[in-house]
C-alpha atoms as a PDB file:
ATOM      1  CA  MET A   1     116.518  95.273  80.251  1.00  0.00           C
ATOM      2  CA  LEU A   2     113.388  97.607  81.028  1.00  0.00           C
ATOM      3  CA  TYR A   3     111.765  96.892  77.551  1.00  0.00           C
ATOM      4  CA  VAL A   4     112.228  92.864  77.846  1.00  0.00           C
ATOM      5  CA  ILE A   5     110.268  92.997  81.540  1.00  0.00           C
ATOM      6  CA  LEU A   6     107.924  94.988  79.938  1.00  0.00           C
ATOM      7  CA  GLY A   7     107.404  92.921  76.929  1.00  0.00           C
ATOM      8  CA  ALA A   8     107.067  89.934  79.218  1.00  0.00           C
ATOM      9  CA  LEU A   9     104.584  91.713  81.787  1.00  0.00           C
ATOM     10  CA  LEU A  10     102.269  92.199  78.661  1.00  0.00           C
ATOM     11  CA  LEU A  11     102.592  88.710  77.372  1.00  0.00           C
ATOM     12  CA  ALA A  12     101.399  87.456  80.691  1.00  0.00           C
ATOM     13  CA  ALA A  13      98.836  89.664  80.782  1.00  0.00           C
ATOM     14  CA  ASP A  14      97.731  88.596  77.340  1.00  0.00           C
ATOM     15  CA  GLN A  15      97.926  84.660  78.177  1.00  0.00           C
ATOM     16  CA  TYR A  16      96.133  85.482  81.849  1.00  0.00           C
ATOM     17  CA  VAL A  17      93.428  87.615  80.000  1.00  0.00           C
ATOM     18  CA  LYS A  18      92.982  84.448  77.666  1.00  0.00           C
ATOM     19  CA  PHE A  19      92.786  82.142  80.426  1.00  0.00           C
ATOM     20  CA  TRP A  20      90.262  83.583  82.492  1.00  0.00           C
ATOM     21  CA  THR A  21      88.060  84.050  79.648  1.00  0.00           C
ATOM     22  CA  VAL A  22      88.340  80.385  78.536  1.00  0.00           C
ATOM     23  CA  SER A  23      87.792  79.497  82.011  1.00  0.00           C
ATOM     24  CA  HIS A  24      84.762  81.659  83.085  1.00  0.00           C
ATOM     25  CA  LEU A  25      82.967  81.951  79.383  1.00  0.00           C
ATOM     26  CA  ALA A  26      81.609  79.238  76.838  1.00  0.00           C
ATOM     27  CA  GLU A  27      82.422  80.094  73.308  1.00  0.00           C
ATOM     28  CA  GLY A  28      80.100  82.873  72.193  1.00  0.00           C
ATOM     29  CA  GLY A  29      79.639  83.303  75.870  1.00  0.00           C
ATOM     30  CA  SER A  30      79.674  87.222  76.809  1.00  0.00           C
ATOM     31  CA  ALA A  31      80.289  88.998  80.048  1.00  0.00           C
ATOM     32  CA  PRO A  32      80.295  93.004  80.615  1.00  0.00           C
ATOM     33  CA  LEU A  33      83.350  94.542  81.029  1.00  0.00           C
ATOM     34  CA  ILE A  34      82.137  98.672  80.619  1.00  0.00           C
ATOM     35  CA  PRO A  35      78.441  98.429  80.217  1.00  0.00           C
ATOM     36  CA  GLY A  36      77.565  99.923  76.773  1.00  0.00           C
ATOM     37  CA  PHE A  37      80.764 100.351  75.949  1.00  0.00           C
ATOM     38  CA  VAL A  38      83.145  96.967  75.927  1.00  0.00           C
ATOM     39  CA  GLU A  39      81.870  93.487  76.545  1.00  0.00           C
ATOM     40  CA  LEU A  40      84.063  90.338  77.318  1.00  0.00           C
ATOM     41  CA  LEU A  41      82.839  88.233  74.331  1.00  0.00           C
ATOM     42  CA  ARG A  42      84.717  84.830  73.675  1.00  0.00           C
ATOM     43  CA  VAL A  43      85.519  84.269  70.237  1.00  0.00           C
ATOM     44  CA  HIS A  44      87.978  81.510  68.480  1.00  0.00           C
ATOM     45  CA  ASN A  45      89.651  83.491  65.631  1.00  0.00           C
ATOM     46  CA  TYR A  46      91.045  81.030  63.166  1.00  0.00           C
ATOM     47  CA  GLY A  47      92.455  83.587  60.637  1.00  0.00           C
ATOM     48  CA  ALA A  48      93.896  86.883  61.331  1.00  0.00           C
ATOM     49  CA  ALA A  49      92.485  90.817  61.225  1.00  0.00           C
ATOM     50  CA  TRP A  50      88.778  90.405  60.338  1.00  0.00           C
ATOM     51  CA  SER A  51      89.134  86.531  60.163  1.00  0.00           C
ATOM     52  CA  SER A  52      91.204  87.052  57.040  1.00  0.00           C
ATOM     53  CA  PHE A  53      92.958  84.094  56.024  1.00  0.00           C
ATOM     54  CA  SER A  54      90.906  82.113  58.304  1.00  0.00           C
ATOM     55  CA  GLY A  55      91.850  78.182  58.651  1.00  0.00           C
ATOM     56  CA  MET A  56      95.446  78.902  57.316  1.00  0.00           C
ATOM     57  CA  ARG A  57      97.063  78.261  60.486  1.00  0.00           C
ATOM     58  CA  TRP A  58     100.566  77.396  59.419  1.00  0.00           C
ATOM     59  CA  LEU A  59     100.666  80.357  56.778  1.00  0.00           C
ATOM     60  CA  LEU A  60      99.954  82.548  59.890  1.00  0.00           C
ATOM     61  CA  LEU A  61     102.482  80.743  62.284  1.00  0.00           C
ATOM     62  CA  GLY A  62     104.928  81.279  59.869  1.00  0.00           C
ATOM     63  CA  VAL A  63     104.202  84.702  58.745  1.00  0.00           C
ATOM     64  CA  THR A  64     103.747  86.050  62.289  1.00  0.00           C
ATOM     65  CA  SER A  65     106.867  84.048  63.495  1.00  0.00           C
ATOM     66  CA  ALA A  66     108.980  85.545  60.538  1.00  0.00           C
ATOM     67  CA  ILE A  67     107.638  89.444  61.500  1.00  0.00           C
ATOM     68  CA  VAL A  68     108.525  88.742  65.202  1.00  0.00           C
ATOM     69  CA  LEU A  69     112.022  87.571  64.159  1.00  0.00           C
ATOM     70  CA  ALA A  70     112.959  90.502  62.274  1.00  0.00           C
ATOM     71  CA  VAL A  71     111.553  92.926  64.790  1.00  0.00           C
ATOM     72  CA  VAL A  72     114.082  90.962  67.213  1.00  0.00           C
ATOM     73  CA  TRP A  73     116.842  91.096  64.717  1.00  0.00           C
ATOM     74  CA  ALA A  74     116.430  94.790  64.291  1.00  0.00           C
ATOM     75  CA  VAL A  75     117.117  95.322  67.786  1.00  0.00           C
ATOM     76  CA  ALA A  76     119.636  92.795  68.410  1.00  0.00           C
ATOM     77  CA  LYS A  77     121.856  94.491  65.568  1.00  0.00           C
ATOM     78  CA  ARG A  78     121.092  97.766  67.559  1.00  0.00           C
ATOM     79  CA  HIS A  79     119.221  99.188  64.087  1.00  0.00           C
ATOM     80  CA  VAL A  80     116.695 100.543  66.669  1.00  0.00           C
ATOM     81  CA  ARG A  81     118.310 102.218  69.769  1.00  0.00           C
ATOM     82  CA  HIS A  82     115.506 104.926  70.090  1.00  0.00           C
ATOM     83  CA  PRO A  83     112.900 104.457  73.242  1.00  0.00           C
ATOM     84  CA  LEU A  84     110.222 105.232  70.772  1.00  0.00           C
ATOM     85  CA  GLY A  85     111.345 102.383  68.423  1.00  0.00           C
ATOM     86  CA  LEU A  86     112.137  99.915  71.405  1.00  0.00           C
ATOM     87  CA  THR A  87     108.726 100.674  72.834  1.00  0.00           C
ATOM     88  CA  ALA A  88     107.337  99.565  68.980  1.00  0.00           C
ATOM     89  CA  ALA A  89     109.427  96.577  69.135  1.00  0.00           C
ATOM     90  CA  MET A  90     108.783  95.256  72.470  1.00  0.00           C
ATOM     91  CA  LEU A  91     104.942  95.943  71.724  1.00  0.00           C
ATOM     92  CA  ILE A  92     104.828  94.003  68.533  1.00  0.00           C
ATOM     93  CA  ILE A  93     106.898  91.204  69.848  1.00  0.00           C
ATOM     94  CA  SER A  94     105.129  90.683  72.767  1.00  0.00           C
ATOM     95  CA  GLY A  95     101.867  90.617  70.810  1.00  0.00           C
ATOM     96  CA  GLY A  96     103.245  88.659  68.257  1.00  0.00           C
ATOM     97  CA  LEU A  97     104.178  85.830  70.723  1.00  0.00           C
ATOM     98  CA  GLY A  98     100.975  85.662  72.443  1.00  0.00           C
ATOM     99  CA  ASN A  99      99.118  85.100  69.461  1.00  0.00           C
ATOM    100  CA  ILE A 100     101.945  83.040  67.712  1.00  0.00           C
ATOM    101  CA  LEU A 101     101.458  80.632  71.709  1.00  0.00           C
ATOM    102  CA  ASP A 102      97.136  80.663  70.864  1.00  0.00           C
ATOM    103  CA  ARG A 103      98.022  79.572  67.359  1.00  0.00           C
ATOM    104  CA  ALA A 104     100.396  76.981  67.934  1.00  0.00           C
ATOM    105  CA  ARG A 105      98.988  75.312  71.522  1.00  0.00           C
ATOM    106  CA  LEU A 106      94.946  75.565  70.152  1.00  0.00           C
ATOM    107  CA  GLY A 107      94.800  76.561  66.314  1.00  0.00           C
ATOM    108  CA  TYR A 108      93.262  79.488  66.838  1.00  0.00           C
ATOM    109  CA  VAL A 109      93.582  82.700  68.935  1.00  0.00           C
ATOM    110  CA  VAL A 110      90.909  83.382  71.607  1.00  0.00           C
ATOM    111  CA  ASP A 111      89.655  86.897  71.438  1.00  0.00           C
ATOM    112  CA  MET A 112      87.249  88.483  73.752  1.00  0.00           C
ATOM    113  CA  PHE A 113      87.197  92.383  73.764  1.00  0.00           C
ATOM    114  CA  ASN A 114      84.076  93.600  71.750  1.00  0.00           C
ATOM    115  CA  PHE A 115      82.756  96.984  71.231  1.00  0.00           C
ATOM    116  CA  GLN A 116      78.919  97.034  71.873  1.00  0.00           C
ATOM    117  CA  PHE A 117      78.808 100.599  70.801  1.00  0.00           C
ATOM    118  CA  MET A 118      79.916 100.165  66.979  1.00  0.00           C
ATOM    119  CA  SER A 119      80.491  97.241  64.859  1.00  0.00           C
ATOM    120  CA  TYR A 120      84.636  96.286  64.831  1.00  0.00           C
ATOM    121  CA  PRO A 121      86.005  92.765  65.098  1.00  0.00           C
ATOM    122  CA  VAL A 122      86.501  91.268  68.358  1.00  0.00           C
ATOM    123  CA  PHE A 123      90.163  91.567  69.684  1.00  0.00           C
ATOM    124  CA  ASN A 124      92.714  90.708  72.660  1.00  0.00           C
ATOM    125  CA  VAL A 125      95.483  91.786  74.610  1.00  0.00           C
ATOM    126  CA  ALA A 126      97.964  90.934  72.360  1.00  0.00           C
ATOM    127  CA  ASP A 127      96.245  92.479  69.021  1.00  0.00           C
ATOM    128  CA  ILE A 128      96.156  96.039  71.313  1.00  0.00           C
ATOM    129  CA  CYS A 129      99.956  95.297  71.377  1.00  0.00           C
ATOM    130  CA  ILE A 130     100.466  94.637  67.869  1.00  0.00           C
ATOM    131  CA  VAL A 131      98.318  97.851  66.407  1.00  0.00           C
ATOM    132  CA  SER A 132      99.955  99.828  69.306  1.00  0.00           C
ATOM    133  CA  GLY A 133     103.326  98.964  68.432  1.00  0.00           C
ATOM    134  CA  ALA A 134     102.539  99.542  64.584  1.00  0.00           C
ATOM    135  CA  VAL A 135     101.127 102.572  65.162  1.00  0.00           C
ATOM    136  CA  LEU A 136     104.283 103.749  67.607  1.00  0.00           C
ATOM    137  CA  GLY A 137     106.411 101.878  64.846  1.00  0.00           C
ATOM    138  CA  ALA A 138     105.257 104.265  62.030  1.00  0.00           C
ATOM    139  CA  VAL A 139     105.911 107.152  63.765  1.00  0.00           C
ATOM    140  CA  TYR A 140     109.406 106.459  65.204  1.00  0.00           C
ATOM    141  CA  TYR A 141     110.231 105.660  61.505  1.00  0.00           C
ATOM    142  CA  LEU A 142     108.520 108.530  59.859  1.00  0.00           C
ATOM    143  CA  TRP A 143     109.641 111.268  62.468  1.00  0.00           C
ATOM    144  CA  PHE A 144     112.607 109.989  64.735  1.00  0.00           C
ATOM    145  CA  TYR A 145     114.673 107.119  62.879  1.00  0.00           C
ATOM    146  CA  GLU A 146     116.546 109.187  60.189  1.00  0.00           C
ATOM    147  CA  LYS A 147     117.685 111.678  63.363  1.00  0.00           C
ATOM    148  CA  TYR A 148     118.501 109.381  65.957  1.00  0.00           C
ATOM    149  CA  ASP A 149     119.100 105.982  64.206  1.00  0.00           C
ATOM    150  CA  GLY A 150     120.090 106.210  60.684  1.00  0.00           C
ATOM    151  CA  LYS A 151     123.347 106.007  59.209  1.00  0.00           C
ATOM    152  CA  GLY A 152     123.939 109.724  59.127  1.00  0.00           C
ATOM    153  CA  ALA A 153     122.580 110.300  62.358  1.00  0.00           C
ATOM    154  CA  ARG A 154     124.186 111.822  64.856  1.00  0.00           C
ATOM    155  CA  ASN A 155     123.647 109.255  67.254  1.00  0.00           C
ATOM    156  CA  GLY A 156     123.756 106.442  64.612  1.00  0.00           C
ATOM    157  CA  ASN A 157     127.369 106.357  65.068  1.00  0.00           C
ATOM    158  CA  ALA A 158     127.635 105.913  68.656  1.00  0.00           C
ATOM    159  CA  ASP A 159     128.918 102.841  68.616  1.00  0.00           C
ATOM    160  CA  ALA A 160     131.772 103.780  66.267  1.00  0.00           C
ATOM    161  CA  ASP A 161     132.157 106.716  68.651  1.00  0.00           C
ATOM    162  CA  ARG A 162     132.740 104.645  72.064  1.00  0.00           C
ATOM    163  CA  ARG A 163     135.334 102.381  69.658  1.00  0.00           C
ATOM    164  CA  SER A 164     137.712 105.345  68.679  1.00  0.00           C
END
């Protein structure tokens, strides 16, 4: 339940920051956040990362939805039970839903965080969740999955032990 609450809070934060950005900045408009480091810059992203697949709204909606549903399925089927894996899943789900909502409602994703000290694509809270979740998911899979949640894991048969 904690993961659901945290995911809902992150989704709400994503939608709030996007709402604030749209309410306070014109498209292309900016405001300092941490001067010299990060500014808020309102951008409408019609693609995915680095504007790849730009204009392919339905493909991006379908792919993002399939990924979110696959992660939900893995958690619901209890293939992922370790806290690190559940945290990664929650981050990917909440971030994916945040961008799905924008893309379905607006036809684009609202991005706003722009690094001023380097050239990097403008991004949003949902993107932070997705990237953080993917990194944590990789760490979980490489170093924790087999030990804690894999078929031969000592905790992998926890449900079978309870039924005996």
